[in-house]
Amino acid sequence: MVFKKWRHTRPFMGAILTVLSGLMILWVPLNLYLSTFLPGSVAVIGLLFGGLITLMGLMSFFLPSASKALGIIVIFLSILSVIGALGGFLFGTIFGIIGGSLLTAWRVVPAAQVKAPETDIADQAVKTG
């Protein structure tokens, strides 16, 4: 019950998709670690963008009021991650765009307006009769 209430006061699905996207984008440069730090390698950009996207996904859990700005930055970095990390084989880019869009579209709901989940029909039938 406590987790459901906490989840409804945060951009939960957008943050999950954003963290997943960041980890997918980080996966490519981490597997190429021998050539990542060579001079002239653009794989360092993949490490930077993947780390930032993962960090922004985690920040959206703890700072839900900043989700609109975080979502715009996540979309921007997800598109740019194609340069340095192949966008996590493009799945990371797609998840990043969707997660960033969900973060941008989410709005802050005051805690007083969060309702308890509705009971199902079987529970209502037991209570009424």
C-alpha atoms as a PDB file:
ATOM      1  CA  MET A   1       0.000   0.000   0.000  1.00  0.00           C
ATOM      2  CA  VAL A   2       2.808   2.415   0.855  1.00  0.00           C
ATOM      3  CA  PHE A   3       4.651   1.581  -2.388  1.00  0.00           C
ATOM      4  CA  LYS A   4       1.512   2.206  -4.469  1.00  0.00           C
ATOM      5  CA  LYS A   5       1.021   5.601  -2.871  1.00  0.00           C
ATOM      6  CA  TRP A   6       4.697   6.483  -3.421  1.00  0.00           C
ATOM      7  CA  ARG A   7       4.577   5.240  -7.017  1.00  0.00           C
ATOM      8  CA  HIS A   8       1.564   7.395  -7.879  1.00  0.00           C
ATOM      9  CA  THR A   9       3.325  10.549  -6.705  1.00  0.00           C
ATOM     10  CA  ARG A  10       6.283  10.033  -9.065  1.00  0.00           C
ATOM     11  CA  PRO A  11       6.811   9.556 -12.832  1.00  0.00           C
ATOM     12  CA  PHE A  12       7.424   5.849 -12.227  1.00  0.00           C
ATOM     13  CA  MET A  13       7.220   4.305 -15.719  1.00  0.00           C
ATOM     14  CA  GLY A  14       9.107   7.179 -17.333  1.00  0.00           C
ATOM     15  CA  ALA A  15      11.894   6.841 -14.778  1.00  0.00           C
ATOM     16  CA  ILE A  16      12.098   3.059 -15.207  1.00  0.00           C
ATOM     17  CA  LEU A  17      12.326   3.352 -18.995  1.00  0.00           C
ATOM     18  CA  THR A  18      14.911   6.124 -18.678  1.00  0.00           C
ATOM     19  CA  VAL A  19      17.151   4.098 -16.366  1.00  0.00           C
ATOM     20  CA  LEU A  20      16.791   1.066 -18.653  1.00  0.00           C
ATOM     21  CA  SER A  21      17.693   3.234 -21.633  1.00  0.00           C
ATOM     22  CA  GLY A  22      20.780   4.609 -19.906  1.00  0.00           C
ATOM     23  CA  LEU A  23      21.976   1.120 -19.008  1.00  0.00           C
ATOM     24  CA  MET A  24      21.477  -0.065 -22.591  1.00  0.00           C
ATOM     25  CA  ILE A  25      23.432   2.905 -23.913  1.00  0.00           C
ATOM     26  CA  LEU A  26      26.209   2.266 -21.369  1.00  0.00           C
ATOM     27  CA  TRP A  27      26.451  -1.380 -22.376  1.00  0.00           C
ATOM     28  CA  VAL A  28      28.110  -0.729 -25.761  1.00  0.00           C
ATOM     29  CA  PRO A  29      31.082   1.397 -24.608  1.00  0.00           C
ATOM     30  CA  LEU A  30      31.603  -0.754 -21.516  1.00  0.00           C
ATOM     31  CA  ASN A  31      32.034  -3.832 -23.716  1.00  0.00           C
ATOM     32  CA  LEU A  32      34.518  -1.933 -25.884  1.00  0.00           C
ATOM     33  CA  TYR A  33      36.558  -0.803 -22.880  1.00  0.00           C
ATOM     34  CA  LEU A  34      39.896  -1.606 -24.570  1.00  0.00           C
ATOM     35  CA  SER A  35      39.270   0.927 -27.312  1.00  0.00           C
ATOM     36  CA  THR A  36      37.093   3.343 -25.345  1.00  0.00           C
ATOM     37  CA  PHE A  37      39.935   5.364 -23.870  1.00  0.00           C
ATOM     38  CA  LEU A  38      42.155   5.484 -26.958  1.00  0.00           C
ATOM     39  CA  PRO A  39      42.813   8.948 -28.349  1.00  0.00           C
ATOM     40  CA  GLY A  40      40.212   9.901 -30.937  1.00  0.00           C
ATOM     41  CA  SER A  41      37.643   7.359 -29.777  1.00  0.00           C
ATOM     42  CA  VAL A  42      34.052   8.585 -29.597  1.00  0.00           C
ATOM     43  CA  ALA A  43      33.043   5.749 -27.245  1.00  0.00           C
ATOM     44  CA  VAL A  44      33.800   8.069 -24.308  1.00  0.00           C
ATOM     45  CA  ILE A  45      30.786  10.100 -25.451  1.00  0.00           C
ATOM     46  CA  GLY A  46      28.691   6.937 -25.081  1.00  0.00           C
ATOM     47  CA  LEU A  47      29.896   6.545 -21.497  1.00  0.00           C
ATOM     48  CA  LEU A  48      29.075  10.169 -20.760  1.00  0.00           C
ATOM     49  CA  PHE A  49      25.610  10.140 -22.342  1.00  0.00           C
ATOM     50  CA  GLY A  50      24.658   6.740 -20.923  1.00  0.00           C
ATOM     51  CA  GLY A  51      25.765   7.770 -17.445  1.00  0.00           C
ATOM     52  CA  LEU A  52      23.871  11.062 -17.635  1.00  0.00           C
ATOM     53  CA  ILE A  53      20.683   9.376 -18.849  1.00  0.00           C
ATOM     54  CA  THR A  54      20.865   6.810 -16.051  1.00  0.00           C
ATOM     55  CA  LEU A  55      21.489   9.567 -13.504  1.00  0.00           C
ATOM     56  CA  MET A  56      18.531  11.599 -14.778  1.00  0.00           C
ATOM     57  CA  GLY A  57      16.273   8.573 -14.567  1.00  0.00           C
ATOM     58  CA  LEU A  58      17.284   8.090 -10.932  1.00  0.00           C
ATOM     59  CA  MET A  59      16.887  11.809 -10.229  1.00  0.00           C
ATOM     60  CA  SER A  60      13.328  11.735 -11.520  1.00  0.00           C
ATOM     61  CA  PHE A  61      12.458   9.268  -8.740  1.00  0.00           C
ATOM     62  CA  PHE A  62      13.655  11.676  -6.057  1.00  0.00           C
ATOM     63  CA  LEU A  63      12.869  15.038  -7.716  1.00  0.00           C
ATOM     64  CA  PRO A  64       9.489  14.513  -9.403  1.00  0.00           C
ATOM     65  CA  SER A  65       8.866  18.250  -9.677  1.00  0.00           C
ATOM     66  CA  ALA A  66      11.828  18.536 -12.090  1.00  0.00           C
ATOM     67  CA  SER A  67      10.600  15.747 -14.369  1.00  0.00           C
ATOM     68  CA  LYS A  68       9.663  18.074 -17.223  1.00  0.00           C
ATOM     69  CA  ALA A  69      13.191  19.494 -17.566  1.00  0.00           C
ATOM     70  CA  LEU A  70      14.782  16.081 -17.000  1.00  0.00           C
ATOM     71  CA  GLY A  71      12.572  14.554 -19.701  1.00  0.00           C
ATOM     72  CA  ILE A  72      13.610  17.142 -22.291  1.00  0.00           C
ATOM     73  CA  ILE A  73      17.299  16.580 -21.523  1.00  0.00           C
ATOM     74  CA  VAL A  74      16.830  12.782 -21.660  1.00  0.00           C
ATOM     75  CA  ILE A  75      15.227  12.994 -25.110  1.00  0.00           C
ATOM     76  CA  PHE A  76      18.074  15.194 -26.350  1.00  0.00           C
ATOM     77  CA  LEU A  77      20.812  12.936 -24.935  1.00  0.00           C
ATOM     78  CA  SER A  78      19.084   9.784 -26.214  1.00  0.00           C
ATOM     79  CA  ILE A  79      19.124  11.074 -29.755  1.00  0.00           C
ATOM     80  CA  LEU A  80      22.748  12.186 -29.448  1.00  0.00           C
ATOM     81  CA  SER A  81      23.790   8.809 -28.009  1.00  0.00           C
ATOM     82  CA  VAL A  82      23.629   7.330 -31.505  1.00  0.00           C
ATOM     83  CA  ILE A  83      26.980   9.051 -32.162  1.00  0.00           C
ATOM     84  CA  GLY A  84      29.022   7.536 -29.346  1.00  0.00           C
ATOM     85  CA  ALA A  85      27.266   4.327 -28.363  1.00  0.00           C
ATOM     86  CA  LEU A  86      25.115   3.394 -31.340  1.00  0.00           C
ATOM     87  CA  GLY A  87      22.200   4.375 -29.131  1.00  0.00           C
ATOM     88  CA  GLY A  88      22.363   1.064 -27.289  1.00  0.00           C
ATOM     89  CA  PHE A  89      21.759  -0.637 -30.658  1.00  0.00           C
ATOM     90  CA  LEU A  90      18.918   1.884 -31.145  1.00  0.00           C
ATOM     91  CA  PHE A  91      16.799   0.197 -28.461  1.00  0.00           C
ATOM     92  CA  GLY A  92      18.359   2.507 -25.883  1.00  0.00           C
ATOM     93  CA  THR A  93      17.484   5.505 -28.020  1.00  0.00           C
ATOM     94  CA  ILE A  94      13.877   4.379 -28.490  1.00  0.00           C
ATOM     95  CA  PHE A  95      13.425   3.640 -24.769  1.00  0.00           C
ATOM     96  CA  GLY A  96      15.071   6.974 -23.952  1.00  0.00           C
ATOM     97  CA  ILE A  97      12.712   8.905 -26.213  1.00  0.00           C
ATOM     98  CA  ILE A  98       9.657   7.138 -24.778  1.00  0.00           C
ATOM     99  CA  GLY A  99      10.883   7.494 -21.176  1.00  0.00           C
ATOM    100  CA  GLY A 100      11.770  11.159 -21.693  1.00  0.00           C
ATOM    101  CA  SER A 101       8.353  11.776 -23.221  1.00  0.00           C
ATOM    102  CA  LEU A 102       6.664  10.154 -20.224  1.00  0.00           C
ATOM    103  CA  LEU A 103       8.776  12.281 -17.882  1.00  0.00           C
ATOM    104  CA  THR A 104       7.865  15.428 -19.812  1.00  0.00           C
ATOM    105  CA  ALA A 105       4.147  14.613 -19.885  1.00  0.00           C
ATOM    106  CA  TRP A 106       3.900  13.707 -16.193  1.00  0.00           C
ATOM    107  CA  ARG A 107       2.414  16.329 -13.893  1.00  0.00           C
ATOM    108  CA  VAL A 108       2.771  16.762 -10.162  1.00  0.00           C
ATOM    109  CA  VAL A 109      -0.262  15.476  -8.256  1.00  0.00           C
ATOM    110  CA  PRO A 110      -0.690  16.820  -4.721  1.00  0.00           C
ATOM    111  CA  ALA A 111      -0.642  14.058  -2.099  1.00  0.00           C
ATOM    112  CA  ALA A 112      -4.127  15.031  -0.910  1.00  0.00           C
ATOM    113  CA  GLN A 113      -5.609  14.162  -4.322  1.00  0.00           C
ATOM    114  CA  VAL A 114      -4.103  10.677  -4.511  1.00  0.00           C
ATOM    115  CA  LYS A 115      -6.956   8.227  -3.932  1.00  0.00           C
ATOM    116  CA  ALA A 116      -6.774   4.782  -2.506  1.00  0.00           C
ATOM    117  CA  PRO A 117      -7.126   2.106  -5.194  1.00  0.00           C
ATOM    118  CA  GLU A 118     -10.677   1.004  -5.971  1.00  0.00           C
ATOM    119  CA  THR A 119     -11.742  -2.368  -4.641  1.00  0.00           C
ATOM    120  CA  ASP A 120     -12.883  -4.965  -7.122  1.00  0.00           C
ATOM    121  CA  ILE A 121     -16.493  -6.055  -7.656  1.00  0.00           C
ATOM    122  CA  ALA A 122     -16.190  -9.212  -5.517  1.00  0.00           C
ATOM    123  CA  ASP A 123     -15.118  -7.152  -2.470  1.00  0.00           C
ATOM    124  CA  GLN A 124     -18.016  -4.739  -3.008  1.00  0.00           C
ATOM    125  CA  ALA A 125     -20.503  -7.612  -3.237  1.00  0.00           C
ATOM    126  CA  VAL A 126     -19.262  -9.052   0.069  1.00  0.00           C
ATOM    127  CA  LYS A 127     -19.571  -5.665   1.800  1.00  0.00           C
ATOM    128  CA  THR A 128     -23.061  -4.879   0.496  1.00  0.00           C
ATOM    129  CA  GLY A 129     -24.740  -8.143   0.876  1.00  0.00           C
END
